[in-house]
Amino acid sequence: MGAPLPPLALFAAACGALVACAPANTASQADFSPVYNGIQRNLLDVDLVNMHVTMTGARTTADIDAYARCAIAQYALNRGYGFARHVRTNVAIQGGVWSADAVYTISPTLPPGLRTLDAEVVVQNCAADGIPTV
């Protein structure tokens, strides 16, 4: 039986194990190459908008949700509104194609509720993340 490892050696071993996990996470990010297939919008009322977006290469529903948020944020800005509020999203996957059917309200002022979007901030984040808007 060998001598116990000094605390510094234990720390180095633990750090090495954590660092070994990092490339796997980075690789999954690097492998993410979505194809954004398009945005369709339907005005349901003056301030109620239905967005349909499709994409391939999504990892989870979060990716298709982000695409829908980007679409509504740009649409709100184009219409002279600064905010949107998420009402609902239905997500489907068929043959590797992800689709989202999302409904939002748009408004010039911050609407009540927890699921609100500042359109200008969202559009800036979309550009930084490489997600198209409209």
N, C-alpha and C. Protein backbone atom coordinates (compact mmCIF):
# COMPACT_ATOMS: atom_id res chain seq x y z
N MET A 1 0.83 -1.16 0.00
CA MET A 1 0.00 0.00 0.00
C MET A 1 0.88 1.23 0.00
N GLY A 2 0.60 2.20 -0.90
CA GLY A 2 1.42 3.39 -1.01
C GLY A 2 1.02 4.45 -0.01
N ALA A 3 1.83 5.46 0.07
CA ALA A 3 1.55 6.57 0.96
C ALA A 3 0.38 7.38 0.43
N PRO A 4 -0.42 7.99 1.32
CA PRO A 4 -1.55 8.80 0.86
C PRO A 4 -1.04 10.02 0.08
N LEU A 5 -1.84 10.44 -0.87
CA LEU A 5 -1.46 11.60 -1.68
C LEU A 5 -1.57 12.88 -0.87
N PRO A 6 -0.63 13.80 -1.05
CA PRO A 6 -0.74 15.08 -0.36
C PRO A 6 -1.94 15.86 -0.91
N PRO A 7 -2.46 16.80 -0.13
CA PRO A 7 -3.64 17.56 -0.55
C PRO A 7 -3.47 18.24 -1.91
N LEU A 8 -2.30 18.74 -2.23
CA LEU A 8 -2.09 19.40 -3.51
C LEU A 8 -2.24 18.41 -4.67
N ALA A 9 -1.78 17.20 -4.50
CA ALA A 9 -1.91 16.18 -5.54
C ALA A 9 -3.37 15.79 -5.72
N LEU A 10 -4.12 15.70 -4.63
CA LEU A 10 -5.55 15.41 -4.72
C LEU A 10 -6.27 16.52 -5.47
N PHE A 11 -5.91 17.76 -5.17
CA PHE A 11 -6.52 18.91 -5.85
C PHE A 11 -6.22 18.87 -7.34
N ALA A 12 -4.98 18.59 -7.70
CA ALA A 12 -4.58 18.53 -9.11
C ALA A 12 -5.33 17.41 -9.82
N ALA A 13 -5.49 16.27 -9.16
CA ALA A 13 -6.22 15.16 -9.77
C ALA A 13 -7.67 15.54 -10.00
N ALA A 14 -8.28 16.20 -9.02
CA ALA A 14 -9.68 16.62 -9.15
C ALA A 14 -9.83 17.64 -10.27
N CYS A 15 -8.92 18.58 -10.35
CA CYS A 15 -8.97 19.59 -11.41
C CYS A 15 -8.79 18.94 -12.77
N GLY A 16 -7.89 17.99 -12.84
CA GLY A 16 -7.67 17.28 -14.10
C GLY A 16 -8.93 16.57 -14.56
N ALA A 17 -9.65 15.99 -13.63
CA ALA A 17 -10.90 15.30 -13.98
C ALA A 17 -11.93 16.29 -14.50
N LEU A 18 -12.01 17.46 -13.88
CA LEU A 18 -12.97 18.47 -14.34
C LEU A 18 -12.59 19.01 -15.70
N VAL A 19 -11.33 19.25 -15.93
CA VAL A 19 -10.88 19.77 -17.22
C VAL A 19 -11.13 18.75 -18.31
N ALA A 20 -11.01 17.48 -17.98
CA ALA A 20 -11.23 16.45 -18.98
C ALA A 20 -12.67 16.47 -19.48
N CYS A 21 -13.59 16.94 -18.66
CA CYS A 21 -14.99 17.00 -19.08
C CYS A 21 -15.26 18.20 -19.98
N ALA A 22 -14.50 19.24 -19.86
CA ALA A 22 -14.76 20.47 -20.60
C ALA A 22 -14.76 20.29 -22.11
N PRO A 23 -13.82 19.58 -22.72
CA PRO A 23 -13.85 19.45 -24.17
C PRO A 23 -15.12 18.80 -24.70
N ALA A 24 -15.71 17.88 -23.95
CA ALA A 24 -16.95 17.24 -24.42
C ALA A 24 -18.06 18.28 -24.55
N ASN A 25 -18.19 19.17 -23.56
CA ASN A 25 -19.20 20.22 -23.64
C ASN A 25 -18.91 21.19 -24.77
N THR A 26 -17.65 21.56 -24.93
CA THR A 26 -17.26 22.47 -25.99
C THR A 26 -17.50 21.84 -27.35
N ALA A 27 -17.23 20.56 -27.47
CA ALA A 27 -17.42 19.87 -28.74
C ALA A 27 -18.89 19.86 -29.13
N SER A 28 -19.79 19.65 -28.17
CA SER A 28 -21.21 19.63 -28.50
C SER A 28 -21.66 21.01 -28.97
N GLN A 29 -21.11 22.06 -28.41
CA GLN A 29 -21.41 23.41 -28.88
C GLN A 29 -20.86 23.62 -30.29
N ALA A 30 -19.65 23.14 -30.53
CA ALA A 30 -19.04 23.32 -31.85
C ALA A 30 -19.78 22.52 -32.91
N ASP A 31 -20.35 21.38 -32.52
CA ASP A 31 -21.09 20.55 -33.47
C ASP A 31 -22.47 21.11 -33.78
N PHE A 32 -22.93 22.09 -33.05
CA PHE A 32 -24.26 22.67 -33.25
C PHE A 32 -24.24 23.51 -34.52
N SER A 33 -24.91 23.03 -35.54
CA SER A 33 -24.97 23.77 -36.80
C SER A 33 -26.41 23.76 -37.31
N PRO A 34 -27.24 24.60 -36.71
CA PRO A 34 -28.65 24.63 -37.08
C PRO A 34 -28.86 25.24 -38.46
N VAL A 35 -29.96 24.84 -39.09
CA VAL A 35 -30.39 25.45 -40.34
C VAL A 35 -31.77 26.05 -40.05
N TYR A 36 -31.87 27.35 -40.17
CA TYR A 36 -33.12 28.06 -39.90
C TYR A 36 -33.90 28.12 -41.21
N ASN A 37 -35.03 27.43 -41.25
CA ASN A 37 -35.76 27.23 -42.50
C ASN A 37 -36.78 28.30 -42.83
N GLY A 38 -37.14 29.12 -41.90
CA GLY A 38 -38.07 30.18 -42.25
C GLY A 38 -39.05 30.55 -41.16
N ILE A 39 -39.62 31.73 -41.37
CA ILE A 39 -40.54 32.32 -40.42
C ILE A 39 -41.80 32.71 -41.18
N GLN A 40 -42.95 32.32 -40.64
CA GLN A 40 -44.23 32.78 -41.16
C GLN A 40 -44.98 33.43 -40.01
N ARG A 41 -45.62 34.53 -40.27
CA ARG A 41 -46.36 35.19 -39.20
C ARG A 41 -47.79 35.44 -39.65
N ASN A 42 -48.68 35.35 -38.70
CA ASN A 42 -50.09 35.63 -38.93
C ASN A 42 -50.55 36.60 -37.85
N LEU A 43 -51.07 37.72 -38.27
CA LEU A 43 -51.60 38.69 -37.33
C LEU A 43 -53.00 38.24 -36.94
N LEU A 44 -53.18 37.86 -35.67
CA LEU A 44 -54.47 37.36 -35.20
C LEU A 44 -55.37 38.50 -34.73
N ASP A 45 -54.77 39.56 -34.26
CA ASP A 45 -55.48 40.76 -33.82
C ASP A 45 -54.46 41.89 -33.89
N VAL A 46 -54.87 43.07 -33.52
CA VAL A 46 -53.97 44.23 -33.62
C VAL A 46 -52.65 43.99 -32.90
N ASP A 47 -52.72 43.35 -31.74
CA ASP A 47 -51.51 43.13 -30.94
C ASP A 47 -51.23 41.66 -30.64
N LEU A 48 -51.88 40.75 -31.35
CA LEU A 48 -51.71 39.32 -31.13
C LEU A 48 -51.16 38.68 -32.39
N VAL A 49 -49.98 38.06 -32.27
CA VAL A 49 -49.27 37.54 -33.43
C VAL A 49 -48.96 36.06 -33.25
N ASN A 50 -49.21 35.29 -34.32
CA ASN A 50 -48.88 33.87 -34.35
C ASN A 50 -47.65 33.70 -35.23
N MET A 51 -46.59 33.13 -34.67
CA MET A 51 -45.35 32.88 -35.41
C MET A 51 -45.17 31.39 -35.63
N HIS A 52 -44.86 31.01 -36.87
CA HIS A 52 -44.50 29.64 -37.21
C HIS A 52 -43.05 29.67 -37.68
N VAL A 53 -42.19 28.91 -37.02
CA VAL A 53 -40.79 28.83 -37.41
C VAL A 53 -40.41 27.37 -37.55
N THR A 54 -39.49 27.09 -38.46
CA THR A 54 -38.99 25.73 -38.65
C THR A 54 -37.47 25.74 -38.74
N MET A 55 -36.88 24.65 -38.27
CA MET A 55 -35.43 24.53 -38.34
C MET A 55 -35.04 23.07 -38.29
N THR A 56 -33.83 22.78 -38.73
CA THR A 56 -33.23 21.47 -38.54
C THR A 56 -31.97 21.65 -37.72
N GLY A 57 -31.55 20.60 -37.07
CA GLY A 57 -30.33 20.67 -36.27
C GLY A 57 -30.53 21.19 -34.86
N ALA A 58 -31.79 21.35 -34.42
CA ALA A 58 -32.03 21.80 -33.05
C ALA A 58 -31.59 20.70 -32.08
N ARG A 59 -31.07 21.12 -30.94
CA ARG A 59 -30.66 20.15 -29.91
C ARG A 59 -31.81 19.84 -28.97
N THR A 60 -32.56 20.88 -28.63
CA THR A 60 -33.69 20.74 -27.70
C THR A 60 -34.75 21.75 -28.11
N THR A 61 -35.86 21.74 -27.40
CA THR A 61 -36.92 22.72 -27.67
C THR A 61 -36.43 24.14 -27.40
N ALA A 62 -35.41 24.30 -26.58
CA ALA A 62 -34.89 25.64 -26.31
C ALA A 62 -34.38 26.31 -27.59
N ASP A 63 -33.82 25.53 -28.51
CA ASP A 63 -33.30 26.10 -29.76
C ASP A 63 -34.43 26.63 -30.64
N ILE A 64 -35.52 25.88 -30.78
CA ILE A 64 -36.63 26.35 -31.62
C ILE A 64 -37.38 27.48 -30.91
N ASP A 65 -37.45 27.45 -29.58
CA ASP A 65 -38.06 28.55 -28.83
C ASP A 65 -37.27 29.85 -29.04
N ALA A 66 -35.95 29.74 -29.05
CA ALA A 66 -35.11 30.92 -29.26
C ALA A 66 -35.35 31.52 -30.65
N TYR A 67 -35.51 30.66 -31.64
CA TYR A 67 -35.78 31.13 -33.00
C TYR A 67 -37.12 31.88 -33.06
N ALA A 68 -38.13 31.35 -32.40
CA ALA A 68 -39.44 32.03 -32.36
C ALA A 68 -39.34 33.37 -31.63
N ARG A 69 -38.60 33.41 -30.51
CA ARG A 69 -38.40 34.68 -29.78
C ARG A 69 -37.71 35.71 -30.64
N CYS A 70 -36.71 35.28 -31.39
CA CYS A 70 -36.00 36.20 -32.27
C CYS A 70 -36.94 36.76 -33.34
N ALA A 71 -37.77 35.89 -33.88
CA ALA A 71 -38.71 36.31 -34.92
C ALA A 71 -39.71 37.34 -34.39
N ILE A 72 -40.28 37.08 -33.22
CA ILE A 72 -41.28 38.01 -32.69
C ILE A 72 -40.64 39.32 -32.25
N ALA A 73 -39.45 39.26 -31.73
CA ALA A 73 -38.78 40.49 -31.28
C ALA A 73 -38.52 41.43 -32.46
N GLN A 74 -38.02 40.89 -33.55
CA GLN A 74 -37.78 41.73 -34.73
C GLN A 74 -39.10 42.25 -35.29
N TYR A 75 -40.11 41.40 -35.32
CA TYR A 75 -41.43 41.82 -35.83
C TYR A 75 -41.99 42.96 -34.97
N ALA A 76 -41.86 42.84 -33.66
CA ALA A 76 -42.34 43.90 -32.76
C ALA A 76 -41.62 45.21 -33.07
N LEU A 77 -40.31 45.15 -33.22
CA LEU A 77 -39.55 46.37 -33.52
C LEU A 77 -39.98 46.95 -34.88
N ASN A 78 -40.18 46.09 -35.87
CA ASN A 78 -40.61 46.56 -37.19
C ASN A 78 -41.95 47.26 -37.14
N ARG A 79 -42.81 46.86 -36.23
CA ARG A 79 -44.13 47.46 -36.09
C ARG A 79 -44.13 48.66 -35.15
N GLY A 80 -42.97 49.02 -34.60
CA GLY A 80 -42.87 50.17 -33.71
C GLY A 80 -43.17 49.85 -32.26
N TYR A 81 -43.16 48.57 -31.91
CA TYR A 81 -43.40 48.14 -30.53
C TYR A 81 -42.07 47.75 -29.89
N GLY A 82 -41.99 47.93 -28.58
CA GLY A 82 -40.75 47.61 -27.90
C GLY A 82 -40.77 46.33 -27.10
N PHE A 83 -41.97 45.73 -26.96
CA PHE A 83 -42.09 44.59 -26.07
C PHE A 83 -43.00 43.52 -26.64
N ALA A 84 -42.82 42.31 -26.15
CA ALA A 84 -43.69 41.20 -26.50
C ALA A 84 -43.91 40.37 -25.23
N ARG A 85 -45.01 39.66 -25.22
CA ARG A 85 -45.29 38.74 -24.11
C ARG A 85 -45.66 37.39 -24.70
N HIS A 86 -45.00 36.37 -24.24
CA HIS A 86 -45.23 35.01 -24.71
C HIS A 86 -46.57 34.50 -24.17
N VAL A 87 -47.40 33.97 -25.06
CA VAL A 87 -48.68 33.40 -24.65
C VAL A 87 -48.58 31.88 -24.61
N ARG A 88 -48.13 31.26 -25.73
CA ARG A 88 -47.97 29.82 -25.76
C ARG A 88 -47.13 29.41 -26.95
N THR A 89 -46.51 28.24 -26.86
CA THR A 89 -45.76 27.65 -27.97
C THR A 89 -46.03 26.15 -28.02
N ASN A 90 -46.33 25.66 -29.22
CA ASN A 90 -46.44 24.23 -29.48
C ASN A 90 -45.27 23.85 -30.36
N VAL A 91 -44.55 22.81 -29.96
CA VAL A 91 -43.37 22.35 -30.71
C VAL A 91 -43.64 20.95 -31.24
N ALA A 92 -43.21 20.72 -32.48
CA ALA A 92 -43.33 19.39 -33.09
C ALA A 92 -42.03 19.07 -33.82
N ILE A 93 -41.74 17.78 -33.92
CA ILE A 93 -40.58 17.30 -34.68
C ILE A 93 -41.09 16.24 -35.64
N GLN A 94 -40.77 16.43 -36.91
CA GLN A 94 -41.17 15.44 -37.90
C GLN A 94 -40.05 15.29 -38.92
N GLY A 95 -39.52 14.09 -39.01
CA GLY A 95 -38.44 13.83 -39.96
C GLY A 95 -37.22 14.70 -39.74
N GLY A 96 -36.91 15.01 -38.50
CA GLY A 96 -35.75 15.84 -38.19
C GLY A 96 -35.99 17.33 -38.32
N VAL A 97 -37.18 17.73 -38.74
CA VAL A 97 -37.52 19.15 -38.86
C VAL A 97 -38.32 19.56 -37.62
N TRP A 98 -37.79 20.54 -36.91
CA TRP A 98 -38.45 21.07 -35.74
C TRP A 98 -39.33 22.24 -36.18
N SER A 99 -40.52 22.33 -35.61
CA SER A 99 -41.39 23.46 -35.89
C SER A 99 -41.98 23.97 -34.60
N ALA A 100 -42.18 25.27 -34.55
CA ALA A 100 -42.82 25.90 -33.39
C ALA A 100 -43.96 26.76 -33.90
N ASP A 101 -45.07 26.66 -33.23
CA ASP A 101 -46.25 27.47 -33.48
C ASP A 101 -46.43 28.28 -32.20
N ALA A 102 -46.02 29.54 -32.24
CA ALA A 102 -45.97 30.36 -31.03
C ALA A 102 -46.88 31.58 -31.16
N VAL A 103 -47.48 31.96 -30.06
CA VAL A 103 -48.35 33.13 -30.02
C VAL A 103 -47.79 34.12 -29.00
N TYR A 104 -47.75 35.37 -29.42
CA TYR A 104 -47.25 36.45 -28.58
C TYR A 104 -48.17 37.66 -28.70
N THR A 105 -48.18 38.47 -27.65
CA THR A 105 -48.77 39.81 -27.78
C THR A 105 -47.60 40.77 -27.95
N ILE A 106 -47.82 41.87 -28.65
CA ILE A 106 -46.80 42.91 -28.79
C ILE A 106 -47.39 44.20 -28.24
N SER A 107 -46.53 45.03 -27.67
CA SER A 107 -47.02 46.28 -27.08
C SER A 107 -45.91 47.32 -27.02
N PRO A 108 -46.30 48.59 -26.97
CA PRO A 108 -45.30 49.66 -26.90
C PRO A 108 -44.69 49.80 -25.51
N THR A 109 -45.38 49.31 -24.49
CA THR A 109 -44.87 49.39 -23.12
C THR A 109 -44.77 47.99 -22.55
N LEU A 110 -44.04 47.86 -21.48
CA LEU A 110 -43.83 46.56 -20.86
C LEU A 110 -45.17 45.99 -20.39
N PRO A 111 -45.57 44.85 -20.96
CA PRO A 111 -46.85 44.26 -20.56
C PRO A 111 -46.73 43.56 -19.20
N PRO A 112 -47.85 43.35 -18.54
CA PRO A 112 -47.79 42.60 -17.29
C PRO A 112 -47.48 41.13 -17.57
N GLY A 113 -46.95 40.46 -16.58
CA GLY A 113 -46.67 39.03 -16.73
C GLY A 113 -45.20 38.72 -16.56
N LEU A 114 -44.93 37.44 -16.45
CA LEU A 114 -43.56 36.98 -16.22
C LEU A 114 -42.83 36.64 -17.50
N ARG A 115 -43.54 36.41 -18.58
CA ARG A 115 -42.91 35.92 -19.81
C ARG A 115 -42.81 37.04 -20.84
N THR A 116 -42.26 38.17 -20.42
CA THR A 116 -42.16 39.33 -21.30
C THR A 116 -40.78 39.40 -21.94
N LEU A 117 -40.73 40.05 -23.09
CA LEU A 117 -39.48 40.21 -23.83
C LEU A 117 -39.27 41.69 -24.14
N ASP A 118 -38.07 42.16 -23.92
CA ASP A 118 -37.65 43.48 -24.38
C ASP A 118 -37.13 43.25 -25.80
N ALA A 119 -37.88 43.67 -26.78
CA ALA A 119 -37.58 43.32 -28.18
C ALA A 119 -36.18 43.74 -28.61
N GLU A 120 -35.76 44.92 -28.22
CA GLU A 120 -34.44 45.40 -28.64
C GLU A 120 -33.32 44.52 -28.07
N VAL A 121 -33.44 44.15 -26.81
CA VAL A 121 -32.42 43.30 -26.18
C VAL A 121 -32.42 41.92 -26.82
N VAL A 122 -33.61 41.37 -27.08
CA VAL A 122 -33.70 40.05 -27.68
C VAL A 122 -33.06 40.05 -29.07
N VAL A 123 -33.34 41.06 -29.87
CA VAL A 123 -32.76 41.12 -31.22
C VAL A 123 -31.24 41.21 -31.15
N GLN A 124 -30.71 41.99 -30.23
CA GLN A 124 -29.25 42.08 -30.06
C GLN A 124 -28.67 40.72 -29.68
N ASN A 125 -29.32 40.01 -28.77
CA ASN A 125 -28.85 38.68 -28.37
C ASN A 125 -28.93 37.69 -29.53
N CYS A 126 -29.97 37.80 -30.33
CA CYS A 126 -30.12 36.91 -31.49
C CYS A 126 -28.97 37.13 -32.47
N ALA A 127 -28.65 38.38 -32.72
CA ALA A 127 -27.53 38.68 -33.63
C ALA A 127 -26.23 38.10 -33.08
N ALA A 128 -26.01 38.25 -31.79
CA ALA A 128 -24.80 37.73 -31.16
C ALA A 128 -24.74 36.20 -31.23
N ASP A 129 -25.92 35.56 -31.15
CA ASP A 129 -25.99 34.10 -31.19
C ASP A 129 -26.12 33.53 -32.60
N GLY A 130 -26.21 34.42 -33.61
CA GLY A 130 -26.31 33.96 -35.00
C GLY A 130 -27.69 33.43 -35.37
N ILE A 131 -28.71 33.85 -34.66
CA ILE A 131 -30.07 33.39 -34.95
C ILE A 131 -30.76 34.48 -35.79
N PRO A 132 -31.26 34.13 -36.97
CA PRO A 132 -31.92 35.13 -37.80
C PRO A 132 -33.23 35.61 -37.17
N THR A 133 -33.63 36.81 -37.55
CA THR A 133 -34.87 37.36 -37.03
C THR A 133 -35.94 37.32 -38.13
N VAL A 134 -36.11 38.35 -38.90
CA VAL A 134 -37.12 38.34 -39.97
C VAL A 134 -36.44 38.52 -41.30
